[in-house]
Amino acid sequence: MTPQAATISLPSELAEEIARLVESGAYPDAGAVVAAGLEALGPSEAEIETWLREEVLPVVDEMDRDPSRALSAEQVRASLDARRKAWEAG
């Protein structure tokens, strides 16, 4: 990847954290700190996108086809309460 200069404004706390990481030797420069942060965000967004596409959308499609399968808010709350109680009972 070819480096490209950019100017950004950060809250002072973030700028200080970047400077601290560079000064500690953990990163060679501020750009490397920003790149590491962006790389750390990448997989989580991809994982969320995969989850939405593979697990959530099929359920939404099924509910659109047959709304009678849906649970009421009261049914969901009762189910979650029962699961919580079972979990707490250990």
C-alpha atoms as a PDB file:
ATOM      1  CA  MET A   1       0.000   0.000   0.000  1.00  0.00           C
ATOM      2  CA  THR A   2       1.371   3.398  -0.958  1.00  0.00           C
ATOM      3  CA  PRO A   3       1.443   5.898   1.907  1.00  0.00           C
ATOM      4  CA  GLN A   4      -0.631   9.041   1.448  1.00  0.00           C
ATOM      5  CA  ALA A   5      -0.384  12.130   3.626  1.00  0.00           C
ATOM      6  CA  ALA A   6      -3.524  13.135   5.516  1.00  0.00           C
ATOM      7  CA  THR A   7      -4.318  15.741   8.113  1.00  0.00           C
ATOM      8  CA  ILE A   8      -6.892  14.844  10.761  1.00  0.00           C
ATOM      9  CA  SER A   9      -8.202  16.483  13.911  1.00  0.00           C
ATOM     10  CA  LEU A  10      -8.424  14.338  17.031  1.00  0.00           C
ATOM     11  CA  PRO A  11      -9.499  14.950  20.600  1.00  0.00           C
ATOM     12  CA  SER A  12      -6.404  15.704  22.665  1.00  0.00           C
ATOM     13  CA  GLU A  13      -6.756  12.411  24.584  1.00  0.00           C
ATOM     14  CA  LEU A  14      -6.492  10.389  21.375  1.00  0.00           C
ATOM     15  CA  ALA A  15      -3.593  12.463  20.055  1.00  0.00           C
ATOM     16  CA  GLU A  16      -1.789  11.952  23.365  1.00  0.00           C
ATOM     17  CA  GLU A  17      -2.439   8.187  23.235  1.00  0.00           C
ATOM     18  CA  ILE A  18      -1.019   7.998  19.716  1.00  0.00           C
ATOM     19  CA  ALA A  19       2.051   9.957  20.815  1.00  0.00           C
ATOM     20  CA  ARG A  20       2.468   7.675  23.848  1.00  0.00           C
ATOM     21  CA  LEU A  21       2.313   4.552  21.682  1.00  0.00           C
ATOM     22  CA  VAL A  22       4.895   5.940  19.258  1.00  0.00           C
ATOM     23  CA  GLU A  23       7.175   7.121  22.084  1.00  0.00           C
ATOM     24  CA  SER A  24       6.957   3.695  23.746  1.00  0.00           C
ATOM     25  CA  GLY A  25       8.313   2.100  20.582  1.00  0.00           C
ATOM     26  CA  ALA A  26       5.170   0.021  20.057  1.00  0.00           C
ATOM     27  CA  TYR A  27       4.650   1.725  16.678  1.00  0.00           C
ATOM     28  CA  PRO A  28       7.122   3.459  14.376  1.00  0.00           C
ATOM     29  CA  ASP A  29       4.871   6.468  13.733  1.00  0.00           C
ATOM     30  CA  ALA A  30       1.359   7.852  14.131  1.00  0.00           C
ATOM     31  CA  GLY A  31       0.283   6.407  10.782  1.00  0.00           C
ATOM     32  CA  ALA A  32       1.093   2.903  11.992  1.00  0.00           C
ATOM     33  CA  VAL A  33      -1.080   3.453  15.089  1.00  0.00           C
ATOM     34  CA  VAL A  34      -4.011   4.597  12.960  1.00  0.00           C
ATOM     35  CA  ALA A  35      -3.500   1.718  10.507  1.00  0.00           C
ATOM     36  CA  ALA A  36      -3.508  -0.815  13.357  1.00  0.00           C
ATOM     37  CA  GLY A  37      -6.734   0.662  14.705  1.00  0.00           C
ATOM     38  CA  LEU A  38      -8.413   0.509  11.313  1.00  0.00           C
ATOM     39  CA  GLU A  39      -7.235  -3.066  10.751  1.00  0.00           C
ATOM     40  CA  ALA A  40      -8.685  -4.045  14.132  1.00  0.00           C
ATOM     41  CA  LEU A  41     -12.075  -2.639  13.073  1.00  0.00           C
ATOM     42  CA  GLY A  42     -12.136  -4.442   9.732  1.00  0.00           C
ATOM     43  CA  PRO A  43     -12.810  -8.018  10.826  1.00  0.00           C
ATOM     44  CA  SER A  44     -15.574  -7.060  13.229  1.00  0.00           C
ATOM     45  CA  GLU A  45     -17.464  -5.180  10.533  1.00  0.00           C
ATOM     46  CA  ALA A  46     -17.020  -8.098   8.133  1.00  0.00           C
ATOM     47  CA  GLU A  47     -18.200 -10.525  10.816  1.00  0.00           C
ATOM     48  CA  ILE A  48     -21.288  -8.402  11.490  1.00  0.00           C
ATOM     49  CA  GLU A  49     -22.046  -8.223   7.778  1.00  0.00           C
ATOM     50  CA  THR A  50     -21.732 -12.018   7.479  1.00  0.00           C
ATOM     51  CA  TRP A  51     -23.960 -12.563  10.529  1.00  0.00           C
ATOM     52  CA  LEU A  52     -26.607 -10.225   9.143  1.00  0.00           C
ATOM     53  CA  ARG A  53     -26.548 -11.838   5.712  1.00  0.00           C
ATOM     54  CA  GLU A  54     -26.377 -15.479   6.822  1.00  0.00           C
ATOM     55  CA  GLU A  55     -28.418 -15.509  10.027  1.00  0.00           C
ATOM     56  CA  VAL A  56     -30.602 -12.438  10.387  1.00  0.00           C
ATOM     57  CA  LEU A  57     -31.884 -11.924   6.840  1.00  0.00           C
ATOM     58  CA  PRO A  58     -33.104 -15.527   6.444  1.00  0.00           C
ATOM     59  CA  VAL A  59     -35.163 -15.145   9.627  1.00  0.00           C
ATOM     60  CA  VAL A  60     -36.577 -11.822   8.436  1.00  0.00           C
ATOM     61  CA  ASP A  61     -37.494 -13.437   5.121  1.00  0.00           C
ATOM     62  CA  GLU A  62     -39.175 -16.339   6.938  1.00  0.00           C
ATOM     63  CA  MET A  63     -41.146 -13.965   9.158  1.00  0.00           C
ATOM     64  CA  ASP A  64     -42.268 -12.052   6.056  1.00  0.00           C
ATOM     65  CA  ARG A  65     -43.501 -15.322   4.511  1.00  0.00           C
ATOM     66  CA  ASP A  66     -45.267 -16.524   7.675  1.00  0.00           C
ATOM     67  CA  PRO A  67     -45.849 -13.791  10.292  1.00  0.00           C
ATOM     68  CA  SER A  68     -47.793 -16.219  12.481  1.00  0.00           C
ATOM     69  CA  ARG A  69     -44.462 -17.761  13.548  1.00  0.00           C
ATOM     70  CA  ALA A  70     -43.398 -14.533  15.256  1.00  0.00           C
ATOM     71  CA  LEU A  71     -43.427 -14.248  19.046  1.00  0.00           C
ATOM     72  CA  SER A  72     -45.077 -11.394  20.907  1.00  0.00           C
ATOM     73  CA  ALA A  73     -42.991  -9.091  23.073  1.00  0.00           C
ATOM     74  CA  GLU A  74     -44.500 -10.760  26.135  1.00  0.00           C
ATOM     75  CA  GLN A  75     -43.497 -14.223  24.884  1.00  0.00           C
ATOM     76  CA  VAL A  76     -39.941 -13.069  24.228  1.00  0.00           C
ATOM     77  CA  ARG A  77     -39.669 -11.459  27.666  1.00  0.00           C
ATOM     78  CA  ALA A  78     -41.008 -14.600  29.373  1.00  0.00           C
ATOM     79  CA  SER A  79     -38.546 -16.769  27.459  1.00  0.00           C
ATOM     80  CA  LEU A  80     -35.618 -14.498  28.335  1.00  0.00           C
ATOM     81  CA  ASP A  81     -36.688 -14.361  31.980  1.00  0.00           C
ATOM     82  CA  ALA A  82     -36.857 -18.157  32.131  1.00  0.00           C
ATOM     83  CA  ARG A  83     -33.420 -18.477  30.544  1.00  0.00           C
ATOM     84  CA  ARG A  84     -31.956 -15.910  32.954  1.00  0.00           C
ATOM     85  CA  LYS A  85     -33.434 -17.734  35.961  1.00  0.00           C
ATOM     86  CA  ALA A  86     -32.097 -21.070  34.714  1.00  0.00           C
ATOM     87  CA  TRP A  87     -28.678 -19.519  34.173  1.00  0.00           C
ATOM     88  CA  GLU A  88     -28.675 -17.923  37.632  1.00  0.00           C
ATOM     89  CA  ALA A  89     -29.689 -21.245  39.207  1.00  0.00           C
ATOM     90  CA  GLY A  90     -26.608 -22.657  37.546  1.00  0.00           C
END
